[in-house]
Amino acid sequence: MNKKSENKKEITLADLPVGATATIVKVIPHSRGEKKFADVGLVPGTELLMEAKAPFGGLIRVRVMETSMALHSNDAKNIVMKGDKTK
């Protein structure tokens, strides 16, 4: 098995730990928020940083380039990430 692929598992944005960065691999087609994600730059190839998570599965805050934005963790489950790098 390729060691490089072992280090970069795919996870959802909702599962990305606080302080970690990862790159968007895909947005689940026809999912809730798909168009909204594209409108704000959450598209495949975009790297982001997980800044904070509200308790009990509420909102999450991510940084994309120089902009912080909040989204609901249920919507974040529709964004697939790769390359968890903890800072």
PDB file of N, CA and C in Angstrom:
ATOM      1  N   MET A   1       0.846  -1.189   0.000  1.00  0.00           N
ATOM      2  CA  MET A   1       0.000   0.000   0.000  1.00  0.00           C
ATOM      3  C   MET A   1       0.886   1.246   0.000  1.00  0.00           C
ATOM      4  N   ASN A   2       0.481   2.258  -0.696  1.00  0.00           N
ATOM      5  CA  ASN A   2       1.234   3.492  -0.797  1.00  0.00           C
ATOM      6  C   ASN A   2       1.211   4.233   0.538  1.00  0.00           C
ATOM      7  N   LYS A   3       2.412   4.497   1.070  1.00  0.00           N
ATOM      8  CA  LYS A   3       2.504   5.160   2.374  1.00  0.00           C
ATOM      9  C   LYS A   3       1.914   6.565   2.343  1.00  0.00           C
ATOM     10  N   LYS A   4       2.078   7.258   1.218  1.00  0.00           N
ATOM     11  CA  LYS A   4       1.546   8.613   1.095  1.00  0.00           C
ATOM     12  C   LYS A   4       0.025   8.624   1.235  1.00  0.00           C
ATOM     13  N   SER A   5      -0.668   7.667   0.620  1.00  0.00           N
ATOM     14  CA  SER A   5      -2.129   7.640   0.717  1.00  0.00           C
ATOM     15  C   SER A   5      -2.598   7.249   2.112  1.00  0.00           C
ATOM     16  N   GLU A   6      -1.792   6.486   2.856  1.00  0.00           N
ATOM     17  CA  GLU A   6      -2.159   6.128   4.222  1.00  0.00           C
ATOM     18  C   GLU A   6      -2.189   7.351   5.123  1.00  0.00           C
ATOM     19  N   ASN A   7      -1.318   8.324   4.867  1.00  0.00           N
ATOM     20  CA  ASN A   7      -1.219   9.512   5.707  1.00  0.00           C
ATOM     21  C   ASN A   7      -2.309  10.531   5.413  1.00  0.00           C
ATOM     22  N   LYS A   8      -3.021  10.360   4.330  1.00  0.00           N
ATOM     23  CA  LYS A   8      -4.026  11.344   3.929  1.00  0.00           C
ATOM     24  C   LYS A   8      -5.376  10.670   3.755  1.00  0.00           C
ATOM     25  N   LYS A   9      -6.007  10.325   4.864  1.00  0.00           N
ATOM     26  CA  LYS A   9      -7.326   9.701   4.818  1.00  0.00           C
ATOM     27  C   LYS A   9      -8.379  10.745   4.492  1.00  0.00           C
ATOM     28  N   GLU A  10      -9.436  10.300   3.845  1.00  0.00           N
ATOM     29  CA  GLU A  10     -10.563  11.188   3.579  1.00  0.00           C
ATOM     30  C   GLU A  10     -11.487  11.192   4.788  1.00  0.00           C
ATOM     31  N   ILE A  11     -11.856  12.398   5.217  1.00  0.00           N
ATOM     32  CA  ILE A  11     -12.807  12.578   6.312  1.00  0.00           C
ATOM     33  C   ILE A  11     -13.747  13.708   5.917  1.00  0.00           C
ATOM     34  N   THR A  12     -14.837  13.840   6.622  1.00  0.00           N
ATOM     35  CA  THR A  12     -15.724  14.973   6.335  1.00  0.00           C
ATOM     36  C   THR A  12     -15.210  16.206   7.071  1.00  0.00           C
ATOM     37  N   LEU A  13     -15.609  17.357   6.596  1.00  0.00           N
ATOM     38  CA  LEU A  13     -15.238  18.602   7.257  1.00  0.00           C
ATOM     39  C   LEU A  13     -15.728  18.606   8.702  1.00  0.00           C
ATOM     40  N   ALA A  14     -16.878  18.016   8.958  1.00  0.00           N
ATOM     41  CA  ALA A  14     -17.424  17.960  10.320  1.00  0.00           C
ATOM     42  C   ALA A  14     -16.506  17.187  11.267  1.00  0.00           C
ATOM     43  N   ASP A  15     -15.725  16.238  10.739  1.00  0.00           N
ATOM     44  CA  ASP A  15     -14.839  15.418  11.564  1.00  0.00           C
ATOM     45  C   ASP A  15     -13.423  15.969  11.674  1.00  0.00           C
ATOM     46  N   LEU A  16     -13.105  17.025  10.955  1.00  0.00           N
ATOM     47  CA  LEU A  16     -11.768  17.613  10.999  1.00  0.00           C
ATOM     48  C   LEU A  16     -11.531  18.217  12.382  1.00  0.00           C
ATOM     49  N   PRO A  17     -10.411  17.881  13.032  1.00  0.00           N
ATOM     50  CA  PRO A  17     -10.167  18.424  14.370  1.00  0.00           C
ATOM     51  C   PRO A  17      -9.851  19.921  14.353  1.00  0.00           C
ATOM     52  N   VAL A  18     -10.144  20.588  15.437  1.00  0.00           N
ATOM     53  CA  VAL A  18      -9.818  22.008  15.589  1.00  0.00           C
ATOM     54  C   VAL A  18      -8.301  22.161  15.500  1.00  0.00           C
ATOM     55  N   GLY A  19      -7.857  23.147  14.722  1.00  0.00           N
ATOM     56  CA  GLY A  19      -6.436  23.408  14.549  1.00  0.00           C
ATOM     57  C   GLY A  19      -5.814  22.679  13.375  1.00  0.00           C
ATOM     58  N   ALA A  20      -6.593  21.840  12.694  1.00  0.00           N
ATOM     59  CA  ALA A  20      -6.071  21.070  11.562  1.00  0.00           C
ATOM     60  C   ALA A  20      -6.424  21.757  10.248  1.00  0.00           C
ATOM     61  N   THR A  21      -5.576  21.534   9.243  1.00  0.00           N
ATOM     62  CA  THR A  21      -5.864  22.010   7.899  1.00  0.00           C
ATOM     63  C   THR A  21      -6.047  20.807   6.986  1.00  0.00           C
ATOM     64  N   ALA A  22      -6.847  20.988   5.962  1.00  0.00           N
ATOM     65  CA  ALA A  22      -7.076  19.927   4.984  1.00  0.00           C
ATOM     66  C   ALA A  22      -7.573  20.565   3.698  1.00  0.00           C
ATOM     67  N   THR A  23      -7.566  19.770   2.644  1.00  0.00           N
ATOM     68  CA  THR A  23      -8.002  20.226   1.328  1.00  0.00           C
ATOM     69  C   THR A  23      -9.317  19.548   0.965  1.00  0.00           C
ATOM     70  N   ILE A  24     -10.220  20.326   0.400  1.00  0.00           N
ATOM     71  CA  ILE A  24     -11.504  19.770  -0.029  1.00  0.00           C
ATOM     72  C   ILE A  24     -11.275  18.857  -1.229  1.00  0.00           C
ATOM     73  N   VAL A  25     -11.761  17.624  -1.128  1.00  0.00           N
ATOM     74  CA  VAL A  25     -11.676  16.653  -2.216  1.00  0.00           C
ATOM     75  C   VAL A  25     -12.941  16.708  -3.059  1.00  0.00           C
ATOM     76  N   LYS A  26     -14.092  16.751  -2.392  1.00  0.00           N
ATOM     77  CA  LYS A  26     -15.356  16.818  -3.124  1.00  0.00           C
ATOM     78  C   LYS A  26     -16.457  17.310  -2.205  1.00  0.00           C
ATOM     79  N   VAL A  27     -17.490  17.828  -2.827  1.00  0.00           N
ATOM     80  CA  VAL A  27     -18.733  18.164  -2.142  1.00  0.00           C
ATOM     81  C   VAL A  27     -19.751  17.154  -2.659  1.00  0.00           C
ATOM     82  N   ILE A  28     -20.459  16.500  -1.744  1.00  0.00           N
ATOM     83  CA  ILE A  28     -21.427  15.483  -2.139  1.00  0.00           C
ATOM     84  C   ILE A  28     -22.448  16.116  -3.094  1.00  0.00           C
ATOM     85  N   PRO A  29     -22.571  15.569  -4.315  1.00  0.00           N
ATOM     86  CA  PRO A  29     -23.510  16.151  -5.290  1.00  0.00           C
ATOM     87  C   PRO A  29     -24.951  16.146  -4.778  1.00  0.00           C
ATOM     88  N   HIS A  30     -25.661  17.194  -5.115  1.00  0.00           N
ATOM     89  CA  HIS A  30     -27.087  17.349  -4.785  1.00  0.00           C
ATOM     90  C   HIS A  30     -27.334  17.400  -3.276  1.00  0.00           C
ATOM     91  N   SER A  31     -26.303  17.732  -2.513  1.00  0.00           N
ATOM     92  CA  SER A  31     -26.463  17.822  -1.060  1.00  0.00           C
ATOM     93  C   SER A  31     -26.961  19.206  -0.675  1.00  0.00           C
ATOM     94  N   ARG A  32     -27.493  19.264   0.532  1.00  0.00           N
ATOM     95  CA  ARG A  32     -27.939  20.545   1.072  1.00  0.00           C
ATOM     96  C   ARG A  32     -26.731  21.477   1.154  1.00  0.00           C
ATOM     97  N   GLY A  33     -26.846  22.648   0.615  1.00  0.00           N
ATOM     98  CA  GLY A  33     -25.783  23.636   0.696  1.00  0.00           C
ATOM     99  C   GLY A  33     -24.754  23.570  -0.409  1.00  0.00           C
ATOM    100  N   GLU A  34     -24.891  22.654  -1.350  1.00  0.00           N
ATOM    101  CA  GLU A  34     -23.875  22.492  -2.404  1.00  0.00           C
ATOM    102  C   GLU A  34     -23.618  23.807  -3.150  1.00  0.00           C
ATOM    103  N   LYS A  35     -24.663  24.493  -3.581  1.00  0.00           N
ATOM    104  CA  LYS A  35     -24.488  25.755  -4.310  1.00  0.00           C
ATOM    105  C   LYS A  35     -23.921  26.837  -3.397  1.00  0.00           C
ATOM    106  N   LYS A  36     -24.405  26.887  -2.170  1.00  0.00           N
ATOM    107  CA  LYS A  36     -23.906  27.875  -1.209  1.00  0.00           C
ATOM    108  C   LYS A  36     -22.407  27.682  -0.977  1.00  0.00           C
ATOM    109  N   PHE A  37     -21.974  26.428  -0.854  1.00  0.00           N
ATOM    110  CA  PHE A  37     -20.548  26.152  -0.649  1.00  0.00           C
ATOM    111  C   PHE A  37     -19.731  26.703  -1.813  1.00  0.00           C
ATOM    112  N   ALA A  38     -20.178  26.448  -3.034  1.00  0.00           N
ATOM    113  CA  ALA A  38     -19.459  26.937  -4.210  1.00  0.00           C
ATOM    114  C   ALA A  38     -19.415  28.462  -4.227  1.00  0.00           C
ATOM    115  N   ASP A  39     -20.507  29.100  -3.843  1.00  0.00           N
ATOM    116  CA  ASP A  39     -20.575  30.566  -3.839  1.00  0.00           C
ATOM    117  C   ASP A  39     -19.560  31.200  -2.893  1.00  0.00           C
ATOM    118  N   VAL A  40     -19.215  30.510  -1.808  1.00  0.00           N
ATOM    119  CA  VAL A  40     -18.276  31.081  -0.831  1.00  0.00           C
ATOM    120  C   VAL A  40     -16.874  30.480  -0.947  1.00  0.00           C
ATOM    121  N   GLY A  41     -16.631  29.708  -2.012  1.00  0.00           N
ATOM    122  CA  GLY A  41     -15.289  29.197  -2.257  1.00  0.00           C
ATOM    123  C   GLY A  41     -14.972  27.840  -1.673  1.00  0.00           C
ATOM    124  N   LEU A  42     -15.968  27.146  -1.145  1.00  0.00           N
ATOM    125  CA  LEU A  42     -15.737  25.801  -0.612  1.00  0.00           C
ATOM    126  C   LEU A  42     -15.912  24.797  -1.748  1.00  0.00           C
ATOM    127  N   VAL A  43     -14.861  24.685  -2.564  1.00  0.00           N
ATOM    128  CA  VAL A  43     -14.866  23.830  -3.750  1.00  0.00           C
ATOM    129  C   VAL A  43     -13.642  22.918  -3.706  1.00  0.00           C
ATOM    130  N   PRO A  44     -13.662  21.813  -4.461  1.00  0.00           N
ATOM    131  CA  PRO A  44     -12.506  20.917  -4.478  1.00  0.00           C
ATOM    132  C   PRO A  44     -11.208  21.664  -4.793  1.00  0.00           C
ATOM    133  N   GLY A  45     -10.160  21.318  -4.044  1.00  0.00           N
ATOM    134  CA  GLY A  45      -8.859  21.948  -4.198  1.00  0.00           C
ATOM    135  C   GLY A  45      -8.594  23.065  -3.204  1.00  0.00           C
ATOM    136  N   THR A  46      -9.619  23.527  -2.511  1.00  0.00           N
ATOM    137  CA  THR A  46      -9.473  24.613  -1.541  1.00  0.00           C
ATOM    138  C   THR A  46      -8.961  24.065  -0.214  1.00  0.00           C
ATOM    139  N   GLU A  47      -7.914  24.703   0.326  1.00  0.00           N
ATOM    140  CA  GLU A  47      -7.403  24.320   1.642  1.00  0.00           C
ATOM    141  C   GLU A  47      -8.044  25.213   2.693  1.00  0.00           C
ATOM    142  N   LEU A  48      -8.379  24.618   3.829  1.00  0.00           N
ATOM    143  CA  LEU A  48      -8.961  25.407   4.911  1.00  0.00           C
ATOM    144  C   LEU A  48      -8.447  24.938   6.262  1.00  0.00           C
ATOM    145  N   LEU A  49      -8.664  25.773   7.253  1.00  0.00           N
ATOM    146  CA  LEU A  49      -8.261  25.520   8.635  1.00  0.00           C
ATOM    147  C   LEU A  49      -9.512  25.450   9.498  1.00  0.00           C
ATOM    148  N   MET A  50      -9.620  24.411  10.306  1.00  0.00           N
ATOM    149  CA  MET A  50     -10.728  24.311  11.264  1.00  0.00           C
ATOM    150  C   MET A  50     -10.362  25.180  12.461  1.00  0.00           C
ATOM    151  N   GLU A  51     -11.093  26.275  12.654  1.00  0.00           N
ATOM    152  CA  GLU A  51     -10.793  27.206  13.745  1.00  0.00           C
ATOM    153  C   GLU A  51     -11.498  26.848  15.046  1.00  0.00           C
ATOM    154  N   ALA A  52     -12.760  26.447  14.981  1.00  0.00           N
ATOM    155  CA  ALA A  52     -13.510  26.183  16.219  1.00  0.00           C
ATOM    156  C   ALA A  52     -14.736  25.335  15.919  1.00  0.00           C
ATOM    157  N   LYS A  53     -15.207  24.659  16.970  1.00  0.00           N
ATOM    158  CA  LYS A  53     -16.443  23.879  16.889  1.00  0.00           C
ATOM    159  C   LYS A  53     -17.283  24.185  18.116  1.00  0.00           C
ATOM    160  N   ALA A  54     -18.563  24.429  17.901  1.00  0.00           N
ATOM    161  CA  ALA A  54     -19.485  24.603  19.021  1.00  0.00           C
ATOM    162  C   ALA A  54     -19.795  23.225  19.599  1.00  0.00           C
ATOM    163  N   PRO A  55     -20.076  23.168  20.884  1.00  0.00           N
ATOM    164  CA  PRO A  55     -20.391  21.868  21.489  1.00  0.00           C
ATOM    165  C   PRO A  55     -21.714  21.297  20.974  1.00  0.00           C
ATOM    166  N   PHE A  56     -21.837  20.002  21.091  1.00  0.00           N
ATOM    167  CA  PHE A  56     -23.074  19.278  20.771  1.00  0.00           C
ATOM    168  C   PHE A  56     -23.473  19.373  19.300  1.00  0.00           C
ATOM    169  N   GLY A  57     -22.482  19.437  18.400  1.00  0.00           N
ATOM    170  CA  GLY A  57     -22.771  19.374  16.971  1.00  0.00           C
ATOM    171  C   GLY A  57     -23.421  20.598  16.377  1.00  0.00           C
ATOM    172  N   GLY A  58     -23.155  21.763  16.909  1.00  0.00           N
ATOM    173  CA  GLY A  58     -23.746  22.997  16.383  1.00  0.00           C
ATOM    174  C   GLY A  58     -22.942  23.554  15.227  1.00  0.00           C
ATOM    175  N   LEU A  59     -22.578  24.803  15.322  1.00  0.00           N
ATOM    176  CA  LEU A  59     -21.826  25.463  14.265  1.00  0.00           C
ATOM    177  C   LEU A  59     -20.345  25.129  14.344  1.00  0.00           C
ATOM    178  N   ILE A  60     -19.684  25.223  13.179  1.00  0.00           N
ATOM    179  CA  ILE A  60     -18.227  25.147  13.130  1.00  0.00           C
ATOM    180  C   ILE A  60     -17.733  26.417  12.457  1.00  0.00           C
ATOM    181  N   ARG A  61     -16.478  26.789  12.750  1.00  0.00           N
ATOM    182  CA  ARG A  61     -15.885  27.968  12.112  1.00  0.00           C
ATOM    183  C   ARG A  61     -14.617  27.537  11.395  1.00  0.00           C
ATOM    184  N   VAL A  62     -14.533  27.870  10.106  1.00  0.00           N
ATOM    185  CA  VAL A  62     -13.368  27.526   9.302  1.00  0.00           C
ATOM    186  C   VAL A  62     -12.773  28.795   8.711  1.00  0.00           C
ATOM    187  N   ARG A  63     -11.482  28.728   8.390  1.00  0.00           N
ATOM    188  CA  ARG A  63     -10.804  29.841   7.716  1.00  0.00           C
ATOM    189  C   ARG A  63     -10.427  29.369   6.322  1.00  0.00           C
ATOM    190  N   VAL A  64     -10.900  30.108   5.326  1.00  0.00           N
ATOM    191  CA  VAL A  64     -10.569  29.861   3.928  1.00  0.00           C
ATOM    192  C   VAL A  64      -9.847  31.098   3.437  1.00  0.00           C
ATOM    193  N   MET A  65      -8.585  30.936   3.044  1.00  0.00           N
ATOM    194  CA  MET A  65      -7.709  32.052   2.707  1.00  0.00           C
ATOM    195  C   MET A  65      -7.670  32.999   3.909  1.00  0.00           C
ATOM    196  N   GLU A  66      -8.129  34.205   3.764  1.00  0.00           N
ATOM    197  CA  GLU A  66      -8.093  35.168   4.872  1.00  0.00           C
ATOM    198  C   GLU A  66      -9.473  35.419   5.471  1.00  0.00           C
ATOM    199  N   THR A  67     -10.425  34.550   5.195  1.00  0.00           N
ATOM    200  CA  THR A  67     -11.802  34.761   5.637  1.00  0.00           C
ATOM    201  C   THR A  67     -12.266  33.643   6.553  1.00  0.00           C
ATOM    202  N   SER A  68     -12.831  34.015   7.705  1.00  0.00           N
ATOM    203  CA  SER A  68     -13.452  33.032   8.591  1.00  0.00           C
ATOM    204  C   SER A  68     -14.936  32.969   8.274  1.00  0.00           C
ATOM    205  N   MET A  69     -15.483  31.759   8.299  1.00  0.00           N
ATOM    206  CA  MET A  69     -16.920  31.601   8.068  1.00  0.00           C
ATOM    207  C   MET A  69     -17.453  30.485   8.943  1.00  0.00           C
ATOM    208  N   ALA A  70     -18.727  30.576   9.257  1.00  0.00           N
ATOM    209  CA  ALA A  70     -19.382  29.559  10.081  1.00  0.00           C
ATOM    210  C   ALA A  70     -20.354  28.776   9.217  1.00  0.00           C
ATOM    211  N   LEU A  71     -20.477  27.493   9.524  1.00  0.00           N
ATOM    212  CA  LEU A  71     -21.497  26.676   8.888  1.00  0.00           C
ATOM    213  C   LEU A  71     -21.941  25.597   9.854  1.00  0.00           C
ATOM    214  N   HIS A  72     -23.098  25.061   9.611  1.00  0.00           N
ATOM    215  CA  HIS A  72     -23.657  24.051  10.501  1.00  0.00           C
ATOM    216  C   HIS A  72     -22.929  22.735  10.287  1.00  0.00           C
ATOM    217  N   SER A  73     -22.670  22.019  11.362  1.00  0.00           N
ATOM    218  CA  SER A  73     -21.926  20.763  11.263  1.00  0.00           C
ATOM    219  C   SER A  73     -22.653  19.730  10.399  1.00  0.00           C
ATOM    220  N   ASN A  74     -23.992  19.758  10.360  1.00  0.00           N
ATOM    221  CA  ASN A  74     -24.720  18.833   9.477  1.00  0.00           C
ATOM    222  C   ASN A  74     -24.406  19.104   8.010  1.00  0.00           C
ATOM    223  N   ASP A  75     -24.260  20.374   7.644  1.00  0.00           N
ATOM    224  CA  ASP A  75     -23.881  20.714   6.271  1.00  0.00           C
ATOM    225  C   ASP A  75     -22.430  20.326   5.999  1.00  0.00           C
ATOM    226  N   ALA A  76     -21.573  20.463   7.001  1.00  0.00           N
ATOM    227  CA  ALA A  76     -20.152  20.143   6.847  1.00  0.00           C
ATOM    228  C   ALA A  76     -19.921  18.655   6.587  1.00  0.00           C
ATOM    229  N   LYS A  77     -20.890  17.821   6.911  1.00  0.00           N
ATOM    230  CA  LYS A  77     -20.771  16.380   6.631  1.00  0.00           C
ATOM    231  C   LYS A  77     -20.821  16.091   5.135  1.00  0.00           C
ATOM    232  N   ASN A  78     -21.246  17.062   4.335  1.00  0.00           N
ATOM    233  CA  ASN A  78     -21.326  16.892   2.884  1.00  0.00           C
ATOM    234  C   ASN A  78     -20.060  17.341   2.160  1.00  0.00           C
ATOM    235  N   ILE A  79     -19.038  17.739   2.915  1.00  0.00           N
ATOM    236  CA  ILE A  79     -17.772  18.183   2.331  1.00  0.00           C
ATOM    237  C   ILE A  79     -16.700  17.176   2.732  1.00  0.00           C
ATOM    238  N   VAL A  80     -16.084  16.537   1.738  1.00  0.00           N
ATOM    239  CA  VAL A  80     -15.071  15.506   1.982  1.00  0.00           C
ATOM    240  C   VAL A  80     -13.691  16.142   1.883  1.00  0.00           C
ATOM    241  N   MET A  81     -12.862  15.891   2.907  1.00  0.00           N
ATOM    242  CA  MET A  81     -11.544  16.506   3.044  1.00  0.00           C
ATOM    243  C   MET A  81     -10.446  15.446   2.970  1.00  0.00           C
ATOM    244  N   LYS A  82      -9.219  15.910   2.670  1.00  0.00           N
ATOM    245  CA  LYS A  82      -8.059  15.028   2.677  1.00  0.00           C
ATOM    246  C   LYS A  82      -6.851  15.824   3.151  1.00  0.00           C
ATOM    247  N   GLY A  83      -5.977  15.164   3.910  1.00  0.00           N
ATOM    248  CA  GLY A  83      -4.712  15.788   4.269  1.00  0.00           C
ATOM    249  C   GLY A  83      -4.709  16.489   5.598  1.00  0.00           C
ATOM    250  N   ASP A  84      -5.290  15.902   6.622  1.00  0.00           N
ATOM    251  CA  ASP A  84      -5.323  16.464   7.973  1.00  0.00           C
ATOM    252  C   ASP A  84      -3.907  16.776   8.447  1.00  0.00           C
ATOM    253  N   LYS A  85      -3.617  18.078   8.591  1.00  0.00           N
ATOM    254  CA  LYS A  85      -2.318  18.517   9.098  1.00  0.00           C
ATOM    255  C   LYS A  85      -2.564  19.377  10.329  1.00  0.00           C
ATOM    256  N   THR A  86      -2.243  18.870  11.493  1.00  0.00           N
ATOM    257  CA  THR A  86      -2.463  19.627  12.715  1.00  0.00           C
ATOM    258  C   THR A  86      -1.352  20.647  12.875  1.00  0.00           C
ATOM    259  N   LYS A  87      -1.748  21.882  13.219  1.00  0.00           N
ATOM    260  CA  LYS A  87      -0.761  22.951  13.413  1.00  0.00           C
ATOM    261  C   LYS A  87      -0.365  23.036  14.857  1.00  0.00           C
TER     262      LYS A  87
END
